[in-house]
């Protein structure tokens, strides 16, 4: 019976240590901006229903901006990329239908584990994406 108690206490101590070492999700979810304002910065609607072409354009735009594409999933409509330039910036972009003739594109950027609230990286991405979509629509290479 003493072995069982020691084993139980040992497992309890290990469990407590593991829980205390786990990363805090509060930091990831912490934001100074309201979620509605941040979502408005992160989201654009485009007048096209060609999701595959939009995903290809998102990938090309991220690459043009110096990102390295980590993962692209056509089924989910999501692209994840990382930019390594004196800092690590990770951006995940999702594409989903919005009504019958539009697509909603949402970009989510993270610097280390903190959400990027500064509108500049989002504006830079969406400006470049808008230009790329226009050029693709005009069939300009």
C-alpha atoms as a PDB file:
ATOM      1  CA  UNK A   1       0.000   0.000   0.000  1.00  0.00           C
ATOM      2  CA  UNK A   2       2.881   2.352   0.649  1.00  0.00           C
ATOM      3  CA  UNK A   3       4.203   1.830  -2.908  1.00  0.00           C
ATOM      4  CA  UNK A   4       0.817   2.816  -4.315  1.00  0.00           C
ATOM      5  CA  UNK A   5       0.792   6.034  -2.274  1.00  0.00           C
ATOM      6  CA  UNK A   6       4.318   6.934  -3.365  1.00  0.00           C
ATOM      7  CA  UNK A   7       3.455   6.185  -6.990  1.00  0.00           C
ATOM      8  CA  UNK A   8       0.278   8.252  -6.723  1.00  0.00           C
ATOM      9  CA  UNK A   9       2.120  11.210  -5.167  1.00  0.00           C
ATOM     10  CA  UNK A  10       4.874  10.988  -7.778  1.00  0.00           C
ATOM     11  CA  UNK A  11       2.361  11.024 -10.610  1.00  0.00           C
ATOM     12  CA  UNK A  12       0.538  13.928  -8.990  1.00  0.00           C
ATOM     13  CA  UNK A  13       3.755  15.945  -8.710  1.00  0.00           C
ATOM     14  CA  UNK A  14       4.666  15.225 -12.351  1.00  0.00           C
ATOM     15  CA  UNK A  15       1.169  16.244 -13.457  1.00  0.00           C
ATOM     16  CA  UNK A  16       1.354  19.513 -11.500  1.00  0.00           C
ATOM     17  CA  UNK A  17       4.766  20.258 -13.007  1.00  0.00           C
ATOM     18  CA  UNK A  18       3.498  19.610 -16.524  1.00  0.00           C
ATOM     19  CA  UNK A  19       0.482  21.859 -16.020  1.00  0.00           C
ATOM     20  CA  UNK A  20       2.591  24.669 -14.588  1.00  0.00           C
ATOM     21  CA  UNK A  21       5.026  24.464 -17.543  1.00  0.00           C
ATOM     22  CA  UNK A  22       2.297  24.560 -20.192  1.00  0.00           C
ATOM     23  CA  UNK A  23       2.215  27.785 -22.244  1.00  0.00           C
ATOM     24  CA  UNK A  24      -0.465  30.217 -21.239  1.00  0.00           C
ATOM     25  CA  UNK A  25      -3.246  30.732 -23.765  1.00  0.00           C
ATOM     26  CA  UNK A  26      -4.015  34.095 -22.181  1.00  0.00           C
ATOM     27  CA  UNK A  27      -1.071  35.682 -24.024  1.00  0.00           C
ATOM     28  CA  UNK A  28      -2.280  34.410 -27.393  1.00  0.00           C
ATOM     29  CA  UNK A  29      -5.821  35.601 -26.780  1.00  0.00           C
ATOM     30  CA  UNK A  30      -4.833  38.905 -25.179  1.00  0.00           C
ATOM     31  CA  UNK A  31      -5.518  41.892 -27.371  1.00  0.00           C
ATOM     32  CA  UNK A  32      -5.789  45.610 -26.745  1.00  0.00           C
ATOM     33  CA  UNK A  33      -8.058  46.192 -29.715  1.00  0.00           C
ATOM     34  CA  UNK A  34     -11.683  45.117 -29.812  1.00  0.00           C
ATOM     35  CA  UNK A  35     -12.184  41.887 -31.693  1.00  0.00           C
ATOM     36  CA  UNK A  36     -14.618  43.583 -34.101  1.00  0.00           C
ATOM     37  CA  UNK A  37     -12.097  46.306 -34.990  1.00  0.00           C
ATOM     38  CA  UNK A  38      -9.305  43.750 -35.416  1.00  0.00           C
ATOM     39  CA  UNK A  39     -11.499  41.553 -37.622  1.00  0.00           C
ATOM     40  CA  UNK A  40     -12.313  44.569 -39.811  1.00  0.00           C
ATOM     41  CA  UNK A  41      -8.579  45.160 -40.308  1.00  0.00           C
ATOM     42  CA  UNK A  42      -7.981  41.489 -41.098  1.00  0.00           C
ATOM     43  CA  UNK A  43     -10.842  40.910 -43.556  1.00  0.00           C
ATOM     44  CA  UNK A  44     -11.640  41.915 -47.144  1.00  0.00           C
ATOM     45  CA  UNK A  45     -14.376  40.834 -49.544  1.00  0.00           C
ATOM     46  CA  UNK A  46     -13.552  40.319 -53.227  1.00  0.00           C
ATOM     47  CA  UNK A  47     -15.964  40.168 -56.157  1.00  0.00           C
ATOM     48  CA  UNK A  48     -15.029  36.740 -57.451  1.00  0.00           C
ATOM     49  CA  UNK A  49     -16.176  33.221 -56.780  1.00  0.00           C
ATOM     50  CA  UNK A  50     -13.075  31.430 -58.136  1.00  0.00           C
ATOM     51  CA  UNK A  51     -11.675  30.126 -54.846  1.00  0.00           C
ATOM     52  CA  UNK A  52      -8.832  28.145 -56.432  1.00  0.00           C
ATOM     53  CA  UNK A  53      -7.561  31.179 -58.321  1.00  0.00           C
ATOM     54  CA  UNK A  54      -7.852  33.284 -55.155  1.00  0.00           C
ATOM     55  CA  UNK A  55      -5.815  30.739 -53.169  1.00  0.00           C
ATOM     56  CA  UNK A  56      -3.124  30.694 -55.884  1.00  0.00           C
ATOM     57  CA  UNK A  57      -3.079  34.493 -55.843  1.00  0.00           C
ATOM     58  CA  UNK A  58      -2.809  34.538 -52.021  1.00  0.00           C
ATOM     59  CA  UNK A  59       0.186  32.189 -52.214  1.00  0.00           C
ATOM     60  CA  UNK A  60       1.870  34.289 -54.913  1.00  0.00           C
ATOM     61  CA  UNK A  61       1.215  37.502 -52.978  1.00  0.00           C
ATOM     62  CA  UNK A  62       2.684  36.111 -49.776  1.00  0.00           C
ATOM     63  CA  UNK A  63       5.761  34.966 -51.687  1.00  0.00           C
ATOM     64  CA  UNK A  64       6.089  38.384 -53.347  1.00  0.00           C
ATOM     65  CA  UNK A  65       6.043  39.962 -49.870  1.00  0.00           C
ATOM     66  CA  UNK A  66       8.939  37.745 -48.747  1.00  0.00           C
ATOM     67  CA  UNK A  67       6.990  35.029 -46.959  1.00  0.00           C
ATOM     68  CA  UNK A  68       7.820  31.342 -47.191  1.00  0.00           C
ATOM     69  CA  UNK A  69       4.685  29.231 -47.558  1.00  0.00           C
ATOM     70  CA  UNK A  70       4.601  26.613 -44.813  1.00  0.00           C
ATOM     71  CA  UNK A  71       1.297  24.986 -45.634  1.00  0.00           C
ATOM     72  CA  UNK A  72      -1.490  25.367 -48.161  1.00  0.00           C
ATOM     73  CA  UNK A  73      -4.729  23.423 -47.856  1.00  0.00           C
ATOM     74  CA  UNK A  74      -7.134  23.690 -50.764  1.00  0.00           C
ATOM     75  CA  UNK A  75      -9.877  21.759 -48.953  1.00  0.00           C
ATOM     76  CA  UNK A  76      -9.857  24.137 -45.971  1.00  0.00           C
ATOM     77  CA  UNK A  77      -9.054  27.180 -48.099  1.00  0.00           C
ATOM     78  CA  UNK A  78      -6.138  28.171 -45.867  1.00  0.00           C
ATOM     79  CA  UNK A  79      -2.527  29.195 -46.411  1.00  0.00           C
ATOM     80  CA  UNK A  80       0.103  29.604 -43.667  1.00  0.00           C
ATOM     81  CA  UNK A  81       3.387  31.390 -44.298  1.00  0.00           C
ATOM     82  CA  UNK A  82       6.350  32.724 -42.338  1.00  0.00           C
ATOM     83  CA  UNK A  83       8.516  35.766 -42.958  1.00  0.00           C
ATOM     84  CA  UNK A  84      12.021  35.748 -41.512  1.00  0.00           C
ATOM     85  CA  UNK A  85      13.557  39.201 -41.821  1.00  0.00           C
ATOM     86  CA  UNK A  86      15.137  40.289 -38.507  1.00  0.00           C
ATOM     87  CA  UNK A  87      11.905  39.053 -36.956  1.00  0.00           C
ATOM     88  CA  UNK A  88       9.492  36.156 -37.301  1.00  0.00           C
ATOM     89  CA  UNK A  89       6.080  37.044 -38.655  1.00  0.00           C
ATOM     90  CA  UNK A  90       3.587  34.282 -39.291  1.00  0.00           C
ATOM     91  CA  UNK A  91       0.508  34.896 -41.396  1.00  0.00           C
ATOM     92  CA  UNK A  92      -2.437  32.588 -41.948  1.00  0.00           C
ATOM     93  CA  UNK A  93      -4.908  33.480 -44.669  1.00  0.00           C
ATOM     94  CA  UNK A  94      -8.283  31.824 -45.124  1.00  0.00           C
ATOM     95  CA  UNK A  95     -10.559  32.084 -48.147  1.00  0.00           C
ATOM     96  CA  UNK A  96     -14.238  31.239 -47.946  1.00  0.00           C
ATOM     97  CA  UNK A  97     -17.415  31.992 -49.892  1.00  0.00           C
ATOM     98  CA  UNK A  98     -19.324  35.158 -49.044  1.00  0.00           C
ATOM     99  CA  UNK A  99     -22.710  35.130 -50.693  1.00  0.00           C
ATOM    100  CA  UNK A 100     -23.045  33.750 -54.220  1.00  0.00           C
ATOM    101  CA  UNK A 101     -20.553  35.934 -56.070  1.00  0.00           C
ATOM    102  CA  UNK A 102     -17.931  36.940 -53.518  1.00  0.00           C
ATOM    103  CA  UNK A 103     -15.080  35.526 -51.473  1.00  0.00           C
ATOM    104  CA  UNK A 104     -14.113  36.602 -47.977  1.00  0.00           C
ATOM    105  CA  UNK A 105     -10.356  36.671 -47.352  1.00  0.00           C
ATOM    106  CA  UNK A 106      -9.139  36.902 -43.774  1.00  0.00           C
ATOM    107  CA  UNK A 107      -5.500  37.302 -42.812  1.00  0.00           C
ATOM    108  CA  UNK A 108      -4.267  36.658 -39.293  1.00  0.00           C
ATOM    109  CA  UNK A 109      -0.721  37.739 -38.450  1.00  0.00           C
ATOM    110  CA  UNK A 110       1.289  36.801 -35.374  1.00  0.00           C
ATOM    111  CA  UNK A 111       4.576  38.168 -34.157  1.00  0.00           C
ATOM    112  CA  UNK A 112       6.066  35.442 -31.954  1.00  0.00           C
ATOM    113  CA  UNK A 113       2.919  34.394 -30.046  1.00  0.00           C
ATOM    114  CA  UNK A 114       1.204  37.778 -29.966  1.00  0.00           C
ATOM    115  CA  UNK A 115      -1.517  38.759 -32.426  1.00  0.00           C
ATOM    116  CA  UNK A 116      -0.533  41.635 -34.689  1.00  0.00           C
ATOM    117  CA  UNK A 117      -2.940  44.515 -34.111  1.00  0.00           C
ATOM    118  CA  UNK A 118      -1.100  47.099 -36.186  1.00  0.00           C
ATOM    119  CA  UNK A 119      -3.078  47.559 -39.427  1.00  0.00           C
ATOM    120  CA  UNK A 120       0.053  48.133 -41.565  1.00  0.00           C
ATOM    121  CA  UNK A 121       0.966  44.471 -42.332  1.00  0.00           C
ATOM    122  CA  UNK A 122      -2.654  43.724 -43.191  1.00  0.00           C
ATOM    123  CA  UNK A 123      -2.944  46.792 -45.435  1.00  0.00           C
ATOM    124  CA  UNK A 124       0.309  45.858 -47.165  1.00  0.00           C
ATOM    125  CA  UNK A 125      -0.944  42.320 -47.778  1.00  0.00           C
ATOM    126  CA  UNK A 126      -4.404  43.345 -49.007  1.00  0.00           C
ATOM    127  CA  UNK A 127      -3.021  46.115 -51.249  1.00  0.00           C
ATOM    128  CA  UNK A 128      -0.669  43.624 -52.888  1.00  0.00           C
ATOM    129  CA  UNK A 129      -3.443  41.006 -53.130  1.00  0.00           C
ATOM    130  CA  UNK A 130      -5.842  43.506 -54.740  1.00  0.00           C
ATOM    131  CA  UNK A 131      -3.238  44.449 -57.350  1.00  0.00           C
ATOM    132  CA  UNK A 132      -2.478  40.793 -58.066  1.00  0.00           C
ATOM    133  CA  UNK A 133      -6.168  39.980 -58.477  1.00  0.00           C
ATOM    134  CA  UNK A 134      -6.611  42.927 -60.826  1.00  0.00           C
ATOM    135  CA  UNK A 135      -3.618  41.858 -62.928  1.00  0.00           C
ATOM    136  CA  UNK A 136      -4.840  38.253 -62.976  1.00  0.00           C
ATOM    137  CA  UNK A 137      -8.301  39.412 -64.092  1.00  0.00           C
ATOM    138  CA  UNK A 138      -6.674  41.454 -66.866  1.00  0.00           C
ATOM    139  CA  UNK A 139      -4.523  38.395 -67.725  1.00  0.00           C
ATOM    140  CA  UNK A 140      -1.313  40.360 -67.254  1.00  0.00           C
ATOM    141  CA  UNK A 141       1.730  38.322 -66.245  1.00  0.00           C
END
